[in-house]
Amino acid sequence: MSKGLMGDPAAVPHLLPWLAESSEERVYDVHHALVRLTGRDALRPDGASGAAYVAAVRAA
């Protein structure tokens, strides 16, 4: 990815295929980049708590 995309949420569509296709070692890095770019963490769903949180994390 070029430096021009760093910090730009427009990079998200380019990272999604990487997330799906990356080796286990790279998934953390790609996920971390997506969290930093979007401010949202798929493993910590907005507004979910208790059983809903557990279900969302397991689904992610």
PDB file of N, CA and C in Angstrom:
ATOM      1  N   MET A   1       0.857  -1.175   0.000  1.00  0.00           N
ATOM      2  CA  MET A   1       0.000   0.000   0.000  1.00  0.00           C
ATOM      3  C   MET A   1       0.897   1.229   0.000  1.00  0.00           C
ATOM      4  N   SER A   2       0.542   2.218  -0.767  1.00  0.00           N
ATOM      5  CA  SER A   2       1.351   3.425  -0.829  1.00  0.00           C
ATOM      6  C   SER A   2       1.161   4.270   0.414  1.00  0.00           C
ATOM      7  N   LYS A   3       2.165   5.099   0.715  1.00  0.00           N
ATOM      8  CA  LYS A   3       2.074   5.977   1.878  1.00  0.00           C
ATOM      9  C   LYS A   3       0.907   6.942   1.764  1.00  0.00           C
ATOM     10  N   GLY A   4       0.469   7.236   0.552  1.00  0.00           N
ATOM     11  CA  GLY A   4      -0.629   8.157   0.337  1.00  0.00           C
ATOM     12  C   GLY A   4      -1.938   7.650   0.932  1.00  0.00           C
ATOM     13  N   LEU A   5      -2.076   6.345   1.105  1.00  0.00           N
ATOM     14  CA  LEU A   5      -3.306   5.784   1.655  1.00  0.00           C
ATOM     15  C   LEU A   5      -3.276   5.668   3.178  1.00  0.00           C
ATOM     16  N   MET A   6      -2.109   5.815   3.787  1.00  0.00           N
ATOM     17  CA  MET A   6      -2.024   5.698   5.238  1.00  0.00           C
ATOM     18  C   MET A   6      -2.836   6.808   5.904  1.00  0.00           C
ATOM     19  N   GLY A   7      -3.719   6.447   6.795  1.00  0.00           N
ATOM     20  CA  GLY A   7      -4.556   7.415   7.485  1.00  0.00           C
ATOM     21  C   GLY A   7      -5.792   7.814   6.698  1.00  0.00           C
ATOM     22  N   ASP A   8      -5.977   7.262   5.532  1.00  0.00           N
ATOM     23  CA  ASP A   8      -7.104   7.619   4.678  1.00  0.00           C
ATOM     24  C   ASP A   8      -8.110   6.468   4.660  1.00  0.00           C
ATOM     25  N   PRO A   9      -9.331   6.693   5.174  1.00  0.00           N
ATOM     26  CA  PRO A   9     -10.330   5.622   5.169  1.00  0.00           C
ATOM     27  C   PRO A   9     -10.634   5.068   3.778  1.00  0.00           C
ATOM     28  N   ALA A  10     -10.267   5.779   2.739  1.00  0.00           N
ATOM     29  CA  ALA A  10     -10.469   5.268   1.383  1.00  0.00           C
ATOM     30  C   ALA A  10      -9.634   4.011   1.140  1.00  0.00           C
ATOM     31  N   ALA A  11      -8.679   3.729   2.022  1.00  0.00           N
ATOM     32  CA  ALA A  11      -7.851   2.524   1.897  1.00  0.00           C
ATOM     33  C   ALA A  11      -8.609   1.272   2.312  1.00  0.00           C
ATOM     34  N   VAL A  12      -9.712   1.435   3.041  1.00  0.00           N
ATOM     35  CA  VAL A  12     -10.446   0.285   3.579  1.00  0.00           C
ATOM     36  C   VAL A  12     -10.838  -0.715   2.495  1.00  0.00           C
ATOM     37  N   PRO A  13     -11.444  -0.301   1.386  1.00  0.00           N
ATOM     38  CA  PRO A  13     -11.812  -1.295   0.365  1.00  0.00           C
ATOM     39  C   PRO A  13     -10.615  -2.087  -0.165  1.00  0.00           C
ATOM     40  N   HIS A  14      -9.430  -1.485  -0.144  1.00  0.00           N
ATOM     41  CA  HIS A  14      -8.233  -2.170  -0.615  1.00  0.00           C
ATOM     42  C   HIS A  14      -7.725  -3.175   0.415  1.00  0.00           C
ATOM     43  N   LEU A  15      -8.018  -2.939   1.692  1.00  0.00           N
ATOM     44  CA  LEU A  15      -7.558  -3.827   2.748  1.00  0.00           C
ATOM     45  C   LEU A  15      -8.475  -5.023   2.972  1.00  0.00           C
ATOM     46  N   LEU A  16      -9.751  -4.891   2.648  1.00  0.00           N
ATOM     47  CA  LEU A  16     -10.686  -5.991   2.896  1.00  0.00           C
ATOM     48  C   LEU A  16     -10.277  -7.288   2.200  1.00  0.00           C
ATOM     49  N   PRO A  17      -9.860  -7.250   0.933  1.00  0.00           N
ATOM     50  CA  PRO A  17      -9.392  -8.502   0.323  1.00  0.00           C
ATOM     51  C   PRO A  17      -8.147  -9.057   1.027  1.00  0.00           C
ATOM     52  N   TRP A  18      -7.277  -8.170   1.497  1.00  0.00           N
ATOM     53  CA  TRP A  18      -6.092  -8.618   2.229  1.00  0.00           C
ATOM     54  C   TRP A  18      -6.518  -9.368   3.489  1.00  0.00           C
ATOM     55  N   LEU A  19      -7.533  -8.858   4.167  1.00  0.00           N
ATOM     56  CA  LEU A  19      -8.005  -9.506   5.390  1.00  0.00           C
ATOM     57  C   LEU A  19      -8.498 -10.917   5.076  1.00  0.00           C
ATOM     58  N   ALA A  20      -9.207 -11.058   3.988  1.00  0.00           N
ATOM     59  CA  ALA A  20      -9.761 -12.362   3.608  1.00  0.00           C
ATOM     60  C   ALA A  20      -8.678 -13.332   3.134  1.00  0.00           C
ATOM     61  N   GLU A  21      -7.612 -12.814   2.531  1.00  0.00           N
ATOM     62  CA  GLU A  21      -6.632 -13.676   1.869  1.00  0.00           C
ATOM     63  C   GLU A  21      -5.296 -13.789   2.590  1.00  0.00           C
ATOM     64  N   SER A  22      -5.065 -12.998   3.627  1.00  0.00           N
ATOM     65  CA  SER A  22      -3.764 -12.992   4.297  1.00  0.00           C
ATOM     66  C   SER A  22      -3.523 -14.262   5.098  1.00  0.00           C
ATOM     67  N   SER A  23      -2.247 -14.552   5.277  1.00  0.00           N
ATOM     68  CA  SER A  23      -1.868 -15.665   6.139  1.00  0.00           C
ATOM     69  C   SER A  23      -2.208 -15.311   7.584  1.00  0.00           C
ATOM     70  N   GLU A  24      -2.231 -16.308   8.448  1.00  0.00           N
ATOM     71  CA  GLU A  24      -2.563 -16.066   9.852  1.00  0.00           C
ATOM     72  C   GLU A  24      -1.671 -15.005  10.474  1.00  0.00           C
ATOM     73  N   GLU A  25      -0.407 -14.986  10.090  1.00  0.00           N
ATOM     74  CA  GLU A  25       0.545 -14.033  10.667  1.00  0.00           C
ATOM     75  C   GLU A  25       0.202 -12.583  10.309  1.00  0.00           C
ATOM     76  N   ARG A  26      -0.428 -12.379   9.166  1.00  0.00           N
ATOM     77  CA  ARG A  26      -0.724 -11.019   8.696  1.00  0.00           C
ATOM     78  C   ARG A  26      -2.105 -10.520   9.089  1.00  0.00           C
ATOM     79  N   VAL A  27      -3.011 -11.411   9.471  1.00  0.00           N
ATOM     80  CA  VAL A  27      -4.388 -10.998   9.769  1.00  0.00           C
ATOM     81  C   VAL A  27      -4.419  -9.940  10.860  1.00  0.00           C
ATOM     82  N   TYR A  28      -3.623 -10.099  11.925  1.00  0.00           N
ATOM     83  CA  TYR A  28      -3.616  -9.104  12.998  1.00  0.00           C
ATOM     84  C   TYR A  28      -3.252  -7.732  12.442  1.00  0.00           C
ATOM     85  N   ASP A  29      -2.220  -7.676  11.612  1.00  0.00           N
ATOM     86  CA  ASP A  29      -1.767  -6.389  11.074  1.00  0.00           C
ATOM     87  C   ASP A  29      -2.836  -5.726  10.212  1.00  0.00           C
ATOM     88  N   VAL A  30      -3.487  -6.515   9.361  1.00  0.00           N
ATOM     89  CA  VAL A  30      -4.520  -5.956   8.495  1.00  0.00           C
ATOM     90  C   VAL A  30      -5.715  -5.503   9.333  1.00  0.00           C
ATOM     91  N   HIS A  31      -6.116  -6.321  10.309  1.00  0.00           N
ATOM     92  CA  HIS A  31      -7.222  -5.940  11.188  1.00  0.00           C
ATOM     93  C   HIS A  31      -6.878  -4.658  11.949  1.00  0.00           C
ATOM     94  N   HIS A  32      -5.665  -4.570  12.454  1.00  0.00           N
ATOM     95  CA  HIS A  32      -5.239  -3.381  13.186  1.00  0.00           C
ATOM     96  C   HIS A  32      -5.307  -2.140  12.287  1.00  0.00           C
ATOM     97  N   ALA A  33      -4.868  -2.270  11.041  1.00  0.00           N
ATOM     98  CA  ALA A  33      -4.936  -1.145  10.105  1.00  0.00           C
ATOM     99  C   ALA A  33      -6.378  -0.720   9.877  1.00  0.00           C
ATOM    100  N   LEU A  34      -7.279  -1.691   9.724  1.00  0.00           N
ATOM    101  CA  LEU A  34      -8.697  -1.355   9.526  1.00  0.00           C
ATOM    102  C   LEU A  34      -9.272  -0.634  10.737  1.00  0.00           C
ATOM    103  N   VAL A  35      -8.918  -1.079  11.939  1.00  0.00           N
ATOM    104  CA  VAL A  35      -9.397  -0.413  13.160  1.00  0.00           C
ATOM    105  C   VAL A  35      -8.884   1.016  13.205  1.00  0.00           C
ATOM    106  N   ARG A  36      -7.607   1.206  12.893  1.00  0.00           N
ATOM    107  CA  ARG A  36      -7.026   2.552  12.937  1.00  0.00           C
ATOM    108  C   ARG A  36      -7.659   3.483  11.896  1.00  0.00           C
ATOM    109  N   LEU A  37      -7.961   2.958  10.738  1.00  0.00           N
ATOM    110  CA  LEU A  37      -8.525   3.781   9.665  1.00  0.00           C
ATOM    111  C   LEU A  37      -9.993   4.123   9.894  1.00  0.00           C
ATOM    112  N   THR A  38     -10.739   3.185  10.465  1.00  0.00           N
ATOM    113  CA  THR A  38     -12.183   3.384  10.589  1.00  0.00           C
ATOM    114  C   THR A  38     -12.630   3.776  11.984  1.00  0.00           C
ATOM    115  N   GLY A  39     -11.807   3.495  12.996  1.00  0.00           N
ATOM    116  CA  GLY A  39     -12.205   3.760  14.374  1.00  0.00           C
ATOM    117  C   GLY A  39     -13.183   2.725  14.905  1.00  0.00           C
ATOM    118  N   ARG A  40     -13.402   1.646  14.165  1.00  0.00           N
ATOM    119  CA  ARG A  40     -14.324   0.585  14.571  1.00  0.00           C
ATOM    120  C   ARG A  40     -13.580  -0.737  14.608  1.00  0.00           C
ATOM    121  N   ASP A  41     -13.901  -1.529  15.602  1.00  0.00           N
ATOM    122  CA  ASP A  41     -13.269  -2.828  15.775  1.00  0.00           C
ATOM    123  C   ASP A  41     -14.336  -3.903  15.658  1.00  0.00           C
ATOM    124  N   ALA A  42     -14.244  -4.737  14.636  1.00  0.00           N
ATOM    125  CA  ALA A  42     -15.246  -5.792  14.416  1.00  0.00           C
ATOM    126  C   ALA A  42     -15.339  -6.745  15.598  1.00  0.00           C
ATOM    127  N   LEU A  43     -14.276  -6.856  16.376  1.00  0.00           N
ATOM    128  CA  LEU A  43     -14.284  -7.751  17.530  1.00  0.00           C
ATOM    129  C   LEU A  43     -14.876  -7.095  18.768  1.00  0.00           C
ATOM    130  N   ARG A  44     -15.137  -5.808  18.696  1.00  0.00           N
ATOM    131  CA  ARG A  44     -15.770  -5.079  19.797  1.00  0.00           C
ATOM    132  C   ARG A  44     -16.931  -4.290  19.236  1.00  0.00           C
ATOM    133  N   PRO A  45     -18.029  -4.954  18.952  1.00  0.00           N
ATOM    134  CA  PRO A  45     -19.163  -4.303  18.292  1.00  0.00           C
ATOM    135  C   PRO A  45     -19.753  -3.148  19.102  1.00  0.00           C
ATOM    136  N   ASP A  46     -20.149  -2.118  18.407  1.00  0.00           N
ATOM    137  CA  ASP A  46     -20.781  -0.961  19.041  1.00  0.00           C
ATOM    138  C   ASP A  46     -22.069  -1.370  19.736  1.00  0.00           C
ATOM    139  N   GLY A  47     -22.219  -0.991  20.985  1.00  0.00           N
ATOM    140  CA  GLY A  47     -23.467  -1.177  21.708  1.00  0.00           C
ATOM    141  C   GLY A  47     -23.770  -2.595  22.142  1.00  0.00           C
ATOM    142  N   ALA A  48     -22.937  -3.546  21.783  1.00  0.00           N
ATOM    143  CA  ALA A  48     -23.206  -4.931  22.178  1.00  0.00           C
ATOM    144  C   ALA A  48     -22.669  -5.185  23.577  1.00  0.00           C
ATOM    145  N   SER A  49     -23.454  -5.923  24.373  1.00  0.00           N
ATOM    146  CA  SER A  49     -22.983  -6.314  25.699  1.00  0.00           C
ATOM    147  C   SER A  49     -23.551  -7.684  26.037  1.00  0.00           C
ATOM    148  N   GLY A  50     -22.971  -8.301  27.030  1.00  0.00           N
ATOM    149  CA  GLY A  50     -23.456  -9.600  27.468  1.00  0.00           C
ATOM    150  C   GLY A  50     -23.448 -10.630  26.366  1.00  0.00           C
ATOM    151  N   ALA A  51     -24.543 -11.363  26.242  1.00  0.00           N
ATOM    152  CA  ALA A  51     -24.651 -12.436  25.260  1.00  0.00           C
ATOM    153  C   ALA A  51     -24.542 -11.907  23.831  1.00  0.00           C
ATOM    154  N   ALA A  52     -25.045 -10.693  23.585  1.00  0.00           N
ATOM    155  CA  ALA A  52     -24.960 -10.115  22.242  1.00  0.00           C
ATOM    156  C   ALA A  52     -23.507  -9.854  21.867  1.00  0.00           C
ATOM    157  N   TYR A  53     -22.720  -9.397  22.827  1.00  0.00           N
ATOM    158  CA  TYR A  53     -21.303  -9.162  22.588  1.00  0.00           C
ATOM    159  C   TYR A  53     -20.598 -10.481  22.277  1.00  0.00           C
ATOM    160  N   VAL A  54     -20.860 -11.492  23.092  1.00  0.00           N
ATOM    161  CA  VAL A  54     -20.222 -12.797  22.890  1.00  0.00           C
ATOM    162  C   VAL A  54     -20.585 -13.346  21.512  1.00  0.00           C
ATOM    163  N   ALA A  55     -21.821 -13.275  21.131  1.00  0.00           N
ATOM    164  CA  ALA A  55     -22.261 -13.775  19.826  1.00  0.00           C
ATOM    165  C   ALA A  55     -21.599 -13.007  18.689  1.00  0.00           C
ATOM    166  N   ALA A  56     -21.488 -11.691  18.825  1.00  0.00           N
ATOM    167  CA  ALA A  56     -20.879 -10.874  17.779  1.00  0.00           C
ATOM    168  C   ALA A  56     -19.404 -11.188  17.622  1.00  0.00           C
ATOM    169  N   VAL A  57     -18.699 -11.350  18.731  1.00  0.00           N
ATOM    170  CA  VAL A  57     -17.276 -11.675  18.672  1.00  0.00           C
ATOM    171  C   VAL A  57     -17.074 -13.040  18.028  1.00  0.00           C
ATOM    172  N   ARG A  58     -17.885 -13.991  18.421  1.00  0.00           N
ATOM    173  CA  ARG A  58     -17.763 -15.327  17.832  1.00  0.00           C
ATOM    174  C   ARG A  58     -18.067 -15.297  16.341  1.00  0.00           C
ATOM    175  N   ALA A  59     -19.036 -14.511  15.931  1.00  0.00           N
ATOM    176  CA  ALA A  59     -19.378 -14.402  14.516  1.00  0.00           C
ATOM    177  C   ALA A  59     -18.265 -13.730  13.728  1.00  0.00           C
ATOM    178  N   ALA A  60     -17.629 -12.746  14.339  1.00  0.00           N
ATOM    179  CA  ALA A  60     -16.531 -12.031  13.664  1.00  0.00           C
ATOM    180  C   ALA A  60     -15.364 -12.954  13.452  1.00  0.00           C
TER     181      ALA A  60
END
